[in-house]
Amino acid sequence: MDIALGFLTFGTLGSVVVFAYMSARLADKQLAETRRGVGGRKSALSSDGIAERLAAQKT
């Protein structure tokens, strides 16, 4: 029983760490693309971001 509990505990913690790392890498990649102007999407809260999304929706 103790082995199974330890496996579940460390398995859960390990998966959280892996998904957090993957999410951080993706966020860094998107931020770098946005700063370079390569094609990252702008926030819908910005005035030019909402205009960009509306224009894309019309086409």
Protein backbone atom coordinates (compact mmCIF):
# COMPACT_ATOMS: atom_id res chain seq x y z
CA MET A 1 0.00 0.00 0.00
CA ASP A 2 2.83 2.40 0.84
CA ILE A 3 4.54 1.75 -2.47
CA ALA A 4 1.38 2.52 -4.43
CA LEU A 5 0.81 5.72 -2.46
CA GLY A 6 4.39 6.85 -3.08
CA PHE A 7 4.12 6.03 -6.78
CA LEU A 8 0.88 8.00 -7.12
CA THR A 9 2.26 10.94 -5.15
CA PHE A 10 5.51 11.25 -7.07
CA GLY A 11 3.80 10.41 -10.36
CA THR A 12 1.35 13.26 -9.83
CA LEU A 13 4.09 15.69 -8.82
CA GLY A 14 6.21 14.61 -11.77
CA SER A 15 3.41 15.11 -14.27
CA VAL A 16 2.66 18.57 -12.85
CA VAL A 17 6.31 19.54 -13.22
CA VAL A 18 6.46 18.24 -16.80
CA PHE A 19 3.27 20.04 -17.88
CA ALA A 20 4.37 23.26 -16.17
CA TYR A 21 7.71 23.10 -17.99
CA MET A 22 6.01 22.47 -21.35
CA SER A 23 3.61 25.35 -20.75
CA ALA A 24 6.44 27.73 -19.83
CA ARG A 25 8.41 26.77 -22.96
CA LEU A 26 5.36 27.35 -25.16
CA ALA A 27 4.69 30.73 -23.53
CA ASP A 28 8.33 31.75 -24.06
CA LYS A 29 8.16 30.69 -27.70
CA GLN A 30 4.95 32.66 -28.31
CA LEU A 31 6.37 35.72 -26.56
CA ALA A 32 9.54 35.58 -28.65
CA GLU A 33 7.49 35.31 -31.87
CA THR A 34 5.35 38.26 -30.86
CA ARG A 35 8.40 40.41 -30.07
CA ARG A 36 10.01 39.56 -33.42
CA GLY A 37 6.74 40.19 -35.25
CA VAL A 38 6.81 36.73 -36.84
CA GLY A 39 3.15 36.03 -36.37
CA GLY A 40 2.12 35.61 -32.80
CA ARG A 41 -1.48 36.51 -32.04
CA LYS A 42 -2.07 39.72 -30.16
CA SER A 43 -4.26 39.96 -27.12
CA ALA A 44 -7.96 40.43 -27.76
CA LEU A 45 -7.92 43.15 -25.10
CA SER A 46 -5.72 45.45 -27.17
CA SER A 47 -7.34 47.72 -29.73
CA ASP A 48 -5.31 46.43 -32.66
CA GLY A 49 -5.63 42.83 -31.45
CA ILE A 50 -9.42 42.85 -31.57
CA ALA A 51 -9.33 44.51 -35.00
CA GLU A 52 -6.97 41.76 -36.20
CA ARG A 53 -9.29 39.02 -34.93
CA LEU A 54 -12.38 40.62 -36.45
CA ALA A 55 -10.63 41.00 -39.81
CA ALA A 56 -9.58 37.35 -39.73
CA GLN A 57 -13.12 36.31 -38.88
CA LYS A 58 -14.60 38.15 -41.88
CA THR A 59 -12.40 36.30 -44.37
